[in-house]
Amino acid sequence: AVDRRAVAGLQPEGLGAVPAYVMPSTSGLNAHSSLDDLTGHLRAAAALAGARAQGPPAS
């Protein structure tokens, strides 16, 4: 299912036990985010992925 109200960033509901992070569009035709904004989202997503990688193994 697609939620068209989703905005860039960590979503309130993940996919099962996995968090969902929506990235802003990088298309030149639909780019409403600045380079600093995109960089911030990439850092946040990387930090989330790193935190999950360092967490306890899934059972």
N, C-alpha and C. Protein backbone atom coordinates (compact mmCIF):
# COMPACT_ATOMS: atom_id res chain seq x y z
N ALA A 1 0.84 -1.19 0.00
CA ALA A 1 0.00 0.00 0.00
C ALA A 1 0.88 1.24 0.00
N VAL A 2 0.39 2.27 -0.63
CA VAL A 2 1.12 3.53 -0.71
C VAL A 2 0.33 4.60 0.04
N ASP A 3 1.00 5.34 0.89
CA ASP A 3 0.36 6.45 1.60
C ASP A 3 0.85 7.73 0.95
N ARG A 4 0.03 8.34 0.16
CA ARG A 4 0.42 9.55 -0.56
C ARG A 4 0.63 10.74 0.36
N ARG A 5 0.23 10.63 1.63
CA ARG A 5 0.46 11.71 2.59
C ARG A 5 1.84 11.61 3.23
N ALA A 6 2.58 10.57 2.91
CA ALA A 6 3.91 10.39 3.50
C ALA A 6 4.80 11.57 3.11
N VAL A 7 5.62 11.99 4.05
CA VAL A 7 6.58 13.06 3.81
C VAL A 7 7.97 12.51 4.05
N ALA A 8 8.97 13.22 3.58
CA ALA A 8 10.35 12.77 3.76
C ALA A 8 10.67 12.66 5.25
N GLY A 9 11.41 11.62 5.58
CA GLY A 9 11.83 11.41 6.96
C GLY A 9 11.37 10.06 7.50
N LEU A 10 11.65 9.84 8.76
CA LEU A 10 11.26 8.60 9.44
C LEU A 10 9.74 8.56 9.53
N GLN A 11 9.16 7.45 9.14
CA GLN A 11 7.71 7.33 9.12
C GLN A 11 7.19 6.81 10.46
N PRO A 12 5.98 7.23 10.85
CA PRO A 12 5.44 6.80 12.14
C PRO A 12 5.22 5.28 12.21
N GLU A 13 4.99 4.65 11.07
CA GLU A 13 4.82 3.20 11.03
C GLU A 13 5.85 2.61 10.09
N GLY A 14 6.52 1.57 10.55
CA GLY A 14 7.51 0.90 9.73
C GLY A 14 6.88 -0.24 8.95
N LEU A 15 7.73 -1.11 8.47
CA LEU A 15 7.29 -2.32 7.76
C LEU A 15 7.60 -3.49 8.68
N GLY A 16 6.60 -3.93 9.41
CA GLY A 16 6.84 -4.94 10.43
C GLY A 16 7.65 -4.32 11.55
N ALA A 17 8.78 -4.93 11.89
CA ALA A 17 9.65 -4.42 12.95
C ALA A 17 10.75 -3.51 12.41
N VAL A 18 10.70 -3.21 11.13
CA VAL A 18 11.76 -2.42 10.49
C VAL A 18 11.26 -0.99 10.27
N PRO A 19 12.04 0.01 10.72
CA PRO A 19 11.61 1.39 10.48
C PRO A 19 11.63 1.73 8.99
N ALA A 20 10.76 2.64 8.60
CA ALA A 20 10.70 3.10 7.20
C ALA A 20 11.12 4.56 7.16
N TYR A 21 12.05 4.87 6.26
CA TYR A 21 12.53 6.24 6.09
C TYR A 21 12.33 6.62 4.64
N VAL A 22 11.53 7.63 4.39
CA VAL A 22 11.25 8.09 3.02
C VAL A 22 12.22 9.21 2.68
N MET A 23 12.91 9.03 1.56
CA MET A 23 13.85 10.06 1.11
C MET A 23 13.13 11.05 0.20
N PRO A 24 13.54 12.32 0.24
CA PRO A 24 12.94 13.30 -0.68
C PRO A 24 13.36 13.01 -2.12
N SER A 25 12.58 13.49 -3.05
CA SER A 25 12.89 13.31 -4.47
C SER A 25 14.18 14.03 -4.82
N THR A 26 15.00 13.36 -5.60
CA THR A 26 16.24 13.98 -6.08
C THR A 26 16.14 14.37 -7.55
N SER A 27 14.95 14.19 -8.11
CA SER A 27 14.73 14.55 -9.51
C SER A 27 14.89 16.05 -9.70
N GLY A 28 15.59 16.44 -10.72
CA GLY A 28 15.75 17.87 -11.02
C GLY A 28 14.43 18.54 -11.35
N LEU A 29 13.48 17.78 -11.88
CA LEU A 29 12.17 18.33 -12.24
C LEU A 29 11.25 18.46 -11.04
N ASN A 30 11.53 17.71 -9.99
CA ASN A 30 10.63 17.70 -8.83
C ASN A 30 11.42 17.90 -7.54
N ALA A 31 12.53 18.58 -7.61
CA ALA A 31 13.38 18.75 -6.44
C ALA A 31 12.98 19.99 -5.66
N HIS A 32 12.42 19.76 -4.50
CA HIS A 32 12.03 20.87 -3.63
C HIS A 32 12.96 20.96 -2.42
N SER A 33 13.94 20.10 -2.36
CA SER A 33 14.86 20.06 -1.23
C SER A 33 16.21 20.63 -1.63
N SER A 34 16.83 21.33 -0.70
CA SER A 34 18.17 21.87 -0.94
C SER A 34 19.21 20.76 -0.73
N LEU A 35 20.42 21.02 -1.14
CA LEU A 35 21.51 20.07 -0.93
C LEU A 35 21.69 19.80 0.56
N ASP A 36 21.60 20.84 1.39
CA ASP A 36 21.73 20.66 2.84
C ASP A 36 20.60 19.77 3.37
N ASP A 37 19.40 19.95 2.85
CA ASP A 37 18.26 19.13 3.25
C ASP A 37 18.50 17.67 2.89
N LEU A 38 18.93 17.42 1.66
CA LEU A 38 19.20 16.05 1.21
C LEU A 38 20.31 15.42 2.05
N THR A 39 21.35 16.19 2.33
CA THR A 39 22.46 15.69 3.14
C THR A 39 21.98 15.30 4.53
N GLY A 40 21.12 16.13 5.10
CA GLY A 40 20.56 15.83 6.42
C GLY A 40 19.76 14.54 6.42
N HIS A 41 18.96 14.34 5.37
CA HIS A 41 18.17 13.10 5.27
C HIS A 41 19.08 11.89 5.10
N LEU A 42 20.12 12.02 4.29
CA LEU A 42 21.06 10.89 4.11
C LEU A 42 21.75 10.55 5.41
N ARG A 43 22.16 11.56 6.17
CA ARG A 43 22.81 11.31 7.46
C ARG A 43 21.84 10.64 8.44
N ALA A 44 20.60 11.12 8.48
CA ALA A 44 19.62 10.53 9.39
C ALA A 44 19.34 9.07 9.03
N ALA A 45 19.19 8.79 7.74
CA ALA A 45 18.93 7.41 7.31
C ALA A 45 20.14 6.52 7.59
N ALA A 46 21.35 7.03 7.37
CA ALA A 46 22.56 6.26 7.66
C ALA A 46 22.68 5.98 9.15
N ALA A 47 22.37 6.98 9.97
CA ALA A 47 22.43 6.79 11.42
C ALA A 47 21.41 5.74 11.87
N LEU A 48 20.22 5.78 11.29
CA LEU A 48 19.20 4.79 11.61
C LEU A 48 19.66 3.39 11.20
N ALA A 49 20.24 3.27 10.02
CA ALA A 49 20.73 1.98 9.55
C ALA A 49 21.88 1.50 10.42
N GLY A 50 22.78 2.39 10.81
CA GLY A 50 23.90 2.03 11.67
C GLY A 50 23.44 1.60 13.04
N ALA A 51 22.44 2.27 13.57
CA ALA A 51 21.90 1.92 14.89
C ALA A 51 21.28 0.53 14.84
N ARG A 52 20.59 0.22 13.75
CA ARG A 52 19.99 -1.11 13.61
C ARG A 52 21.06 -2.17 13.43
N ALA A 53 22.13 -1.84 12.70
CA ALA A 53 23.20 -2.82 12.47
C ALA A 53 23.93 -3.13 13.77
N GLN A 54 24.01 -2.17 14.68
CA GLN A 54 24.71 -2.37 15.94
C GLN A 54 23.82 -2.99 17.01
N GLY A 55 22.53 -3.04 16.75
CA GLY A 55 21.58 -3.57 17.74
C GLY A 55 21.68 -5.08 17.86
N PRO A 56 20.87 -5.64 18.74
CA PRO A 56 20.89 -7.10 18.93
C PRO A 56 20.41 -7.81 17.67
N PRO A 57 20.91 -9.00 17.43
CA PRO A 57 20.48 -9.74 16.24
C PRO A 57 18.99 -10.07 16.33
N ALA A 58 18.34 -10.10 15.19
CA ALA A 58 16.92 -10.43 15.14
C ALA A 58 16.73 -11.90 15.48
N SER A 59 15.66 -12.19 16.17
CA SER A 59 15.41 -13.60 16.53
C SER A 59 14.40 -14.23 15.62
